[in-house]
Amino acid sequence: MPRTDTAPPRRRRLRRLVLAALVAVAVFHAAGGWYFANEIERRALDGAARRASTRPDPTIEVLAVDEDPLVPGGGGTITLRLPSDSEALLARGVWGLRWEDGYGQVAGIVTRDGASVTRAFLLVRGGPPEPGELVELDLRAWPDAEAAGLPVRDVEVPGPLGTYPAWFVPGRGSTWAIVVHGNSMVRTDGIRLLTVFARAGLPALAITYRNDVGAPADPSDRLAYGLTEWADLQAAVRYALAKGARSIVLAGYSMGGGIIMAFLQRSELADRVRAVVLDAPMLDLSATVDDNATRERLPVVGLPLPPSITWAAKTLAGWRFGVDWERLDYLADVSAYRGRRFLVLHGTRDETVPIATSERLRGLLPEQVRLVRCPGAGHIECWNLDPEAYAAEVLAFLRREA
């Protein structure tokens, strides 16, 4: 005979409500997890999306340009309308400014009011922008290595997927520096450090790796945050050794820091590395996603993202896109880093890679890691806020260790 539900009507209704609530929670987490897994791929993993993110996006209106060469700190001044989010435009230090057919630098603030700011301005390339033209602030400070006054040569590095373009800056001695950019996918990240290595006299390479413009594409066209790219760095180290280097200083920005750590863990050439400079390094991708998720909002409703949705998104991203979160924690096992010295520079207001991961590295290797906290700096902005202090830290580290 068929079974009948003999529970009282109130209990049956309660069970239905509980079941409906569980289904709703499951659907909510599945849908939310799927959506934010897509966001993880778009913002962090997809090579095409990352390359597209480097395209200019000018939104700041020029009000006036005065090219008076007598203005201290630059070749003139430029007055810009303050956007609704004006924090970066009002930050101290040196920043690049790019527009459709030119590039410049802005330095100290000359005057400001509620609607505009006038800063010292140096024209680097092209003609000056016209009033009404839109420009974009650029933390890389120069459009290319030549504009920074570096005697750069274009070279090609043979690697596991083909030939990788690189910049070579000549120097003296047998210790070479190799600069690894972040997930911006452009070598111009590294110009700021290249200028410091040039002052130190070190020969230096600014390399590319798979999925960069001009470099071989990974079959997946996805960024792996070191798990594949370390082999491209190994090829650059092998190139430097073949050209006369006897020891290496590695320097990495953001994701480039993760590539360096993966190299130190895996490469047979890791023992040739003498010292490491890291700028806002990506040391634990899972912790970085967790940190970024605290500033996300749910679509439509606008509420903060629950940690359970973040967990679901990471789980789905691991399954759908092959993200190995455990292997991307370069702080889980630090045995491969022992015996080397690290200089780590990290902004206290970094909302891309949390400074907490650099503090973890310092805590795990207190005798080997010098951590420089840059007050007020965002992601890879330590140089911009105080170029001379940044250079002094790196040069002192090189004198001690390289």
Protein backbone atom coordinates (compact mmCIF):
# COMPACT_ATOMS: atom_id res chain seq x y z
CA MET A 1 0.00 0.00 0.00
CA PRO A 2 1.24 3.57 -0.66
CA ARG A 3 2.62 5.37 2.35
CA THR A 4 0.68 8.32 3.65
CA ASP A 5 2.08 11.30 5.51
CA THR A 6 0.47 11.18 8.93
CA ALA A 7 2.33 14.24 10.27
CA PRO A 8 0.15 17.13 11.39
CA PRO A 9 -0.50 19.77 8.71
CA ARG A 10 1.61 22.38 10.57
CA ARG A 11 4.66 20.05 10.59
CA ARG A 12 4.20 19.23 6.91
CA ARG A 13 4.10 22.95 6.08
CA LEU A 14 7.26 23.50 8.14
CA ARG A 15 9.05 20.70 6.30
CA ARG A 16 8.05 22.21 2.97
CA LEU A 17 9.26 25.63 4.06
CA VAL A 18 12.60 24.19 5.23
CA LEU A 19 12.98 22.26 1.97
CA ALA A 20 12.11 25.34 -0.07
CA ALA A 21 14.62 27.40 1.93
CA LEU A 22 17.35 24.81 1.35
CA VAL A 23 16.62 24.74 -2.37
CA ALA A 24 16.65 28.54 -2.48
CA VAL A 25 20.00 28.68 -0.67
CA ALA A 26 21.45 26.06 -3.00
CA VAL A 27 20.22 27.90 -6.09
CA PHE A 28 21.46 31.23 -4.70
CA HIS A 29 24.95 29.83 -4.09
CA ALA A 30 25.08 27.97 -7.39
CA ALA A 31 24.02 31.05 -9.37
CA GLY A 32 26.18 33.43 -7.36
CA GLY A 33 29.14 31.08 -7.44
CA TRP A 34 28.81 30.65 -11.22
CA TYR A 35 28.61 34.42 -11.77
CA PHE A 36 31.63 35.24 -9.61
CA ALA A 37 33.62 32.31 -11.02
CA ASN A 38 33.13 34.02 -14.38
CA GLU A 39 34.39 37.24 -12.81
CA ILE A 40 37.50 35.44 -11.54
CA GLU A 41 38.18 34.21 -15.06
CA ARG A 42 37.54 37.59 -16.68
CA ARG A 43 39.57 39.64 -14.24
CA ALA A 44 42.42 37.26 -13.45
CA LEU A 45 42.66 34.27 -15.77
CA ASP A 46 41.58 35.09 -19.32
CA GLY A 47 44.58 36.12 -21.41
CA ALA A 48 42.56 38.02 -24.02
CA ALA A 49 40.71 39.98 -21.34
CA ARG A 50 43.93 40.86 -19.57
CA ARG A 51 45.55 42.05 -22.80
CA ALA A 52 42.48 44.15 -23.57
CA SER A 53 42.69 45.77 -20.13
CA THR A 54 45.90 47.57 -21.14
CA ARG A 55 44.16 49.60 -23.84
CA PRO A 56 43.93 53.32 -23.09
CA ASP A 57 40.75 54.48 -21.38
CA PRO A 58 41.05 58.28 -21.05
CA THR A 59 38.41 59.87 -18.83
CA ILE A 60 40.12 62.96 -17.32
CA GLU A 61 39.44 66.27 -19.08
CA VAL A 62 42.28 68.69 -19.78
CA LEU A 63 41.39 72.29 -18.92
CA ALA A 64 44.66 74.04 -19.73
CA VAL A 65 48.33 73.35 -20.55
CA ASP A 66 51.12 75.81 -19.77
CA GLU A 67 54.48 74.71 -21.10
CA ASP A 68 56.48 77.27 -19.13
CA PRO A 69 59.91 75.60 -18.68
CA LEU A 70 60.62 77.61 -15.53
CA VAL A 71 58.11 75.72 -13.40
CA PRO A 72 60.09 73.58 -10.90
CA GLY A 73 59.91 69.85 -11.37
CA GLY A 74 58.80 69.76 -14.98
CA GLY A 75 58.48 71.53 -18.32
CA GLY A 76 55.28 73.36 -17.42
CA THR A 77 51.91 72.77 -15.81
CA ILE A 78 48.69 71.06 -16.76
CA THR A 79 45.27 71.74 -15.28
CA LEU A 80 42.86 68.81 -15.13
CA ARG A 81 39.22 68.59 -14.16
CA LEU A 82 38.84 66.44 -11.05
CA PRO A 83 36.76 63.33 -11.73
CA SER A 84 34.29 61.96 -9.18
CA ASP A 85 37.00 59.56 -7.99
CA SER A 86 39.90 62.01 -7.72
CA GLU A 87 42.11 60.16 -5.22
CA ALA A 88 44.73 58.99 -7.73
CA LEU A 89 44.89 62.35 -9.48
CA LEU A 90 45.60 64.05 -6.16
CA ALA A 91 48.21 61.54 -5.02
CA ARG A 92 51.71 62.88 -4.50
CA GLY A 93 54.67 61.72 -6.53
CA VAL A 94 55.25 61.06 -10.22
CA TRP A 95 52.68 59.59 -12.62
CA GLY A 96 52.41 59.08 -16.33
CA LEU A 97 49.72 60.82 -18.34
CA ARG A 98 48.70 59.38 -21.71
CA TRP A 99 46.38 60.54 -24.45
CA GLU A 100 45.65 59.55 -28.03
CA ASP A 101 48.85 60.83 -29.64
CA GLY A 102 51.15 61.71 -26.76
CA TYR A 103 52.52 60.99 -23.31
CA GLY A 104 53.68 63.10 -20.38
CA GLN A 105 54.42 63.03 -16.68
CA VAL A 106 52.77 64.90 -13.84
CA ALA A 107 54.58 65.60 -10.59
CA GLY A 108 53.90 67.96 -7.69
CA ILE A 109 50.59 69.75 -7.20
CA VAL A 110 50.87 73.48 -7.95
CA THR A 111 47.29 74.53 -7.11
CA ARG A 112 43.92 72.89 -6.64
CA ASP A 113 40.33 73.87 -6.03
CA GLY A 114 37.10 71.95 -5.71
CA ALA A 115 36.79 71.24 -9.42
CA SER A 116 40.34 71.07 -10.79
CA VAL A 117 44.00 70.48 -10.00
CA THR A 118 47.12 71.96 -11.57
CA ARG A 119 50.25 69.83 -11.49
CA ALA A 120 53.79 70.15 -12.76
CA PHE A 121 53.88 68.69 -16.26
CA LEU A 122 56.62 67.32 -18.48
CA LEU A 123 55.91 66.43 -22.09
CA VAL A 124 57.57 63.09 -22.88
CA ARG A 125 56.30 62.21 -26.35
CA GLY A 126 54.13 63.76 -29.07
CA GLY A 127 52.35 67.08 -28.88
CA PRO A 128 50.69 68.40 -25.71
CA PRO A 129 47.01 67.61 -25.18
CA GLU A 130 44.49 70.26 -26.14
CA PRO A 131 41.96 71.77 -23.71
CA GLY A 132 38.90 69.53 -23.74
CA GLU A 133 40.93 66.45 -24.65
CA LEU A 134 40.66 63.38 -22.42
CA VAL A 135 43.75 61.87 -20.81
CA GLU A 136 44.48 58.91 -18.55
CA LEU A 137 46.69 58.60 -15.48
CA ASP A 138 49.29 55.83 -15.86
CA LEU A 139 51.32 54.48 -12.95
CA ARG A 140 54.02 53.13 -15.30
CA ALA A 141 55.34 56.70 -15.71
CA TRP A 142 56.85 56.19 -19.20
CA PRO A 143 55.40 54.90 -22.48
CA ASP A 144 58.46 52.75 -23.18
CA ALA A 145 62.03 52.14 -22.05
CA GLU A 146 63.59 54.57 -24.52
CA ALA A 147 61.49 57.42 -23.15
CA ALA A 148 62.97 56.71 -19.72
CA GLY A 149 66.47 57.24 -21.14
CA LEU A 150 67.43 53.58 -20.98
CA PRO A 151 69.86 52.30 -23.66
CA VAL A 152 67.58 49.37 -24.34
CA ARG A 153 68.10 46.67 -26.96
CA ASP A 154 65.44 44.33 -28.26
CA VAL A 155 66.50 40.71 -27.82
CA GLU A 156 64.81 37.33 -28.27
CA VAL A 157 64.85 34.63 -25.60
CA PRO A 158 64.33 31.02 -26.74
CA GLY A 159 61.87 29.28 -24.47
CA PRO A 160 59.56 26.32 -24.04
CA LEU A 161 56.82 27.60 -26.37
CA GLY A 162 58.93 29.49 -28.88
CA THR A 163 60.74 32.83 -28.93
CA TYR A 164 60.00 35.49 -26.32
CA PRO A 165 60.82 39.19 -26.93
CA ALA A 166 62.67 40.99 -24.15
CA TRP A 167 64.37 44.29 -23.45
CA PHE A 168 68.05 44.22 -22.53
CA VAL A 169 69.72 47.14 -20.75
CA PRO A 170 73.53 46.77 -20.78
CA GLY A 171 75.53 47.09 -17.58
CA ARG A 172 78.75 45.97 -16.02
CA GLY A 173 79.63 42.94 -13.97
CA SER A 174 78.38 39.37 -13.93
CA THR A 175 75.23 39.81 -11.83
CA TRP A 176 72.19 40.33 -14.04
CA ALA A 177 68.74 41.56 -13.03
CA ILE A 178 65.65 40.01 -14.61
CA VAL A 179 62.36 41.93 -14.29
CA VAL A 180 59.03 40.07 -14.47
CA HIS A 181 55.89 42.15 -15.06
CA GLY A 182 52.45 41.52 -13.54
CA ASN A 183 49.17 40.46 -15.10
CA SER A 184 48.92 43.75 -16.97
CA MET A 185 50.71 41.70 -19.66
CA VAL A 186 53.12 44.54 -20.58
CA ARG A 187 56.85 45.02 -19.97
CA THR A 188 56.33 48.70 -19.24
CA ASP A 189 55.45 47.65 -15.66
CA GLY A 190 59.16 47.13 -15.14
CA ILE A 191 60.57 50.42 -16.44
CA ARG A 192 60.56 51.96 -12.98
CA LEU A 193 62.78 49.17 -11.63
CA LEU A 194 64.90 49.10 -14.78
CA THR A 195 65.88 52.72 -14.13
CA VAL A 196 67.08 51.71 -10.65
CA PHE A 197 69.05 48.71 -11.94
CA ALA A 198 70.63 51.00 -14.53
CA ARG A 199 71.77 53.32 -11.73
CA ALA A 200 73.29 50.31 -10.01
CA GLY A 201 75.09 49.34 -13.22
CA LEU A 202 73.55 45.88 -13.45
CA PRO A 203 72.82 44.38 -16.85
CA ALA A 204 69.05 43.86 -16.90
CA LEU A 205 66.39 41.99 -18.85
CA ALA A 206 62.72 42.91 -18.89
CA ILE A 207 61.11 39.71 -20.11
CA THR A 208 57.83 38.58 -21.57
CA TYR A 209 56.08 35.32 -20.84
CA ARG A 210 53.34 33.25 -22.43
CA ASN A 211 50.17 35.10 -23.49
CA ASP A 212 51.92 38.49 -23.67
CA VAL A 213 51.55 40.46 -26.88
CA GLY A 214 54.35 39.22 -29.15
CA ALA A 215 55.12 36.18 -27.00
CA PRO A 216 53.92 32.63 -27.62
CA ALA A 217 50.36 31.86 -26.52
CA ASP A 218 49.68 29.21 -23.96
CA PRO A 219 47.32 26.57 -25.43
CA SER A 220 44.75 27.48 -22.78
CA ASP A 221 45.17 31.27 -23.23
CA ARG A 222 44.86 31.48 -19.46
CA LEU A 223 47.16 32.96 -16.84
CA ALA A 224 48.40 30.38 -14.34
CA TYR A 225 50.11 32.75 -11.85
CA GLY A 226 53.42 30.93 -12.00
CA LEU A 227 52.42 27.29 -12.43
CA THR A 228 53.26 27.41 -16.15
CA GLU A 229 55.02 30.76 -16.55
CA TRP A 230 57.94 29.79 -14.30
CA ALA A 231 59.35 27.81 -17.24
CA ASP A 232 59.44 31.02 -19.32
CA LEU A 233 61.38 32.76 -16.53
CA GLN A 234 63.73 29.78 -16.41
CA ALA A 235 64.41 30.30 -20.12
CA ALA A 236 65.33 33.94 -19.42
CA VAL A 237 67.69 32.91 -16.62
CA ARG A 238 69.29 30.36 -18.95
CA TYR A 239 69.67 33.09 -21.59
CA ALA A 240 71.39 35.41 -19.11
CA LEU A 241 73.77 32.68 -17.97
CA ALA A 242 74.64 31.90 -21.58
CA LYS A 243 75.45 35.59 -22.16
CA GLY A 244 77.91 35.75 -19.26
CA ALA A 245 75.87 36.16 -16.09
CA ARG A 246 77.17 34.25 -13.09
CA SER A 247 74.39 35.18 -10.67
CA ILE A 248 70.90 36.63 -10.93
CA VAL A 249 68.73 39.17 -9.14
CA LEU A 250 65.05 38.51 -9.81
CA ALA A 251 62.52 41.33 -9.59
CA GLY A 252 58.78 40.91 -9.96
CA TYR A 253 55.62 42.97 -9.86
CA SER A 254 52.35 41.46 -8.61
CA MET A 255 51.78 38.22 -10.56
CA GLY A 256 55.45 38.41 -11.53
CA GLY A 257 56.24 37.81 -7.87
CA GLY A 258 54.25 34.58 -7.97
CA ILE A 259 56.14 33.51 -11.10
CA ILE A 260 59.42 34.11 -9.29
CA MET A 261 58.33 32.07 -6.27
CA ALA A 262 57.21 29.20 -8.52
CA PHE A 263 60.61 29.36 -10.26
CA LEU A 264 62.43 29.20 -6.92
CA GLN A 265 60.37 26.16 -5.94
CA ARG A 266 60.74 24.26 -9.21
CA SER A 267 63.73 25.30 -11.31
CA GLU A 268 67.09 23.55 -11.45
CA LEU A 269 68.60 27.04 -11.93
CA ALA A 270 67.17 28.47 -8.71
CA ASP A 271 70.56 28.24 -7.00
CA ARG A 272 71.90 30.93 -9.37
CA VAL A 273 69.53 33.50 -7.84
CA ARG A 274 71.34 35.75 -5.41
CA ALA A 275 68.57 38.08 -4.29
CA VAL A 276 64.92 38.90 -4.99
CA VAL A 277 63.05 42.22 -5.21
CA LEU A 278 59.25 41.94 -5.03
CA ASP A 279 56.78 44.79 -5.57
CA ALA A 280 53.29 43.97 -4.24
CA PRO A 281 53.80 40.27 -5.00
CA MET A 282 50.98 37.81 -5.64
CA LEU A 283 51.95 35.16 -3.10
CA ASP A 284 48.60 33.45 -2.50
CA LEU A 285 45.92 33.76 -5.18
CA SER A 286 43.21 32.30 -2.96
CA ALA A 287 43.85 34.84 -0.19
CA THR A 288 43.92 37.60 -2.82
CA VAL A 289 40.52 36.56 -4.20
CA ASP A 290 39.13 36.41 -0.65
CA ASP A 291 40.41 39.93 0.05
CA ASN A 292 39.00 41.36 -3.18
CA ALA A 293 35.67 39.65 -2.53
CA THR A 294 35.19 41.68 0.67
CA ARG A 295 34.74 44.75 -1.56
CA GLU A 296 32.36 43.11 -4.02
CA ARG A 297 28.58 43.53 -4.02
CA LEU A 298 25.88 41.15 -5.12
CA PRO A 299 24.31 42.12 -8.44
CA VAL A 300 20.91 43.84 -8.29
CA VAL A 301 20.58 43.86 -4.49
CA GLY A 302 23.94 45.51 -3.83
CA LEU A 303 24.61 43.66 -0.57
CA PRO A 304 28.15 42.62 0.46
CA LEU A 305 29.30 39.31 -0.98
CA PRO A 306 28.90 36.51 1.61
CA PRO A 307 32.06 34.41 2.20
CA SER A 308 30.05 31.32 1.26
CA ILE A 309 29.54 32.73 -2.27
CA THR A 310 33.27 33.40 -2.52
CA TRP A 311 33.94 29.80 -1.53
CA ALA A 312 31.44 28.56 -4.13
CA ALA A 313 32.98 30.79 -6.82
CA LYS A 314 36.51 29.53 -6.10
CA THR A 315 35.31 25.93 -6.05
CA LEU A 316 33.58 26.37 -9.41
CA ALA A 317 36.57 28.24 -10.85
CA GLY A 318 38.80 25.36 -9.82
CA TRP A 319 36.52 22.88 -11.53
CA ARG A 320 35.71 24.92 -14.65
CA PHE A 321 39.04 26.65 -15.31
CA GLY A 322 41.55 24.30 -13.69
CA VAL A 323 42.65 26.67 -10.91
CA ASP A 324 44.77 24.77 -8.37
CA TRP A 325 44.32 27.02 -5.36
CA GLU A 326 46.59 24.99 -3.06
CA ARG A 327 49.55 25.07 -5.45
CA LEU A 328 49.04 28.82 -5.90
CA ASP A 329 49.75 29.43 -2.21
CA TYR A 330 53.47 30.13 -2.41
CA LEU A 331 53.62 30.59 1.36
CA ALA A 332 52.47 27.07 2.24
CA ASP A 333 56.05 25.76 1.98
CA VAL A 334 58.91 28.28 2.17
CA SER A 335 61.76 25.77 2.32
CA ALA A 336 62.82 26.57 -1.26
CA TYR A 337 63.36 30.24 -0.35
CA ARG A 338 65.80 29.68 2.50
CA GLY A 339 69.26 31.09 2.02
CA ARG A 340 68.13 33.99 -0.18
CA ARG A 341 67.45 37.60 0.69
CA PHE A 342 64.21 39.32 -0.26
CA LEU A 343 63.28 42.98 -0.48
CA VAL A 344 59.50 43.36 -0.54
CA LEU A 345 57.83 46.73 -1.18
CA HIS A 346 54.06 46.89 -0.69
CA GLY A 347 51.52 49.69 -0.44
CA THR A 348 49.37 49.93 2.67
CA ARG A 349 46.31 50.77 0.55
CA ASP A 350 46.70 47.98 -1.98
CA GLU A 351 43.22 46.72 -2.89
CA THR A 352 44.46 44.32 -5.57
CA VAL A 353 46.97 42.17 -3.67
CA PRO A 354 46.65 42.38 0.12
CA ILE A 355 49.73 43.50 2.01
CA ALA A 356 48.86 40.76 4.54
CA THR A 357 50.44 38.16 2.24
CA SER A 358 53.74 40.06 2.19
CA GLU A 359 53.52 40.32 5.97
CA ARG A 360 53.06 36.53 6.11
CA LEU A 361 56.24 36.05 4.07
CA ARG A 362 58.10 38.38 6.43
CA GLY A 363 56.79 36.42 9.42
CA LEU A 364 57.82 33.08 7.92
CA LEU A 365 61.33 34.25 6.99
CA PRO A 366 62.13 37.11 9.36
CA GLU A 367 65.90 36.91 8.89
CA GLN A 368 65.69 36.91 5.09
CA VAL A 369 62.91 39.36 4.23
CA ARG A 370 63.00 43.13 4.46
CA LEU A 371 59.44 44.42 4.11
CA VAL A 372 59.00 48.09 3.23
CA ARG A 373 55.46 49.32 3.80
CA CYS A 374 54.58 52.29 1.60
CA PRO A 375 51.99 54.45 3.40
CA GLY A 376 49.08 55.41 1.17
CA ALA A 377 50.28 53.48 -1.88
CA GLY A 378 47.90 51.37 -3.93
CA HIS A 379 48.85 48.41 -6.06
CA ILE A 380 52.47 48.66 -7.40
CA GLU A 381 52.45 52.39 -6.59
CA CYS A 382 55.36 52.54 -4.12
CA TRP A 383 57.73 54.01 -6.73
CA ASN A 384 55.18 56.57 -7.89
CA LEU A 385 54.56 58.04 -4.45
CA ASP A 386 58.28 58.54 -3.74
CA PRO A 387 60.64 57.54 -6.56
CA GLU A 388 63.83 58.52 -4.73
CA ALA A 389 62.95 56.68 -1.51
CA TYR A 390 62.04 53.61 -3.56
CA ALA A 391 65.30 53.75 -5.50
CA ALA A 392 67.29 54.24 -2.29
CA GLU A 393 65.75 51.09 -0.76
CA VAL A 394 66.51 48.99 -3.84
CA LEU A 395 70.04 50.35 -4.28
CA ALA A 396 70.90 49.75 -0.61
CA PHE A 397 69.56 46.19 -0.91
CA LEU A 398 71.64 45.59 -4.04
CA ARG A 399 74.79 46.90 -2.37
CA ARG A 400 74.28 44.49 0.51
CA GLU A 401 73.18 41.42 -1.41
CA ALA A 402 74.31 41.68 -5.04
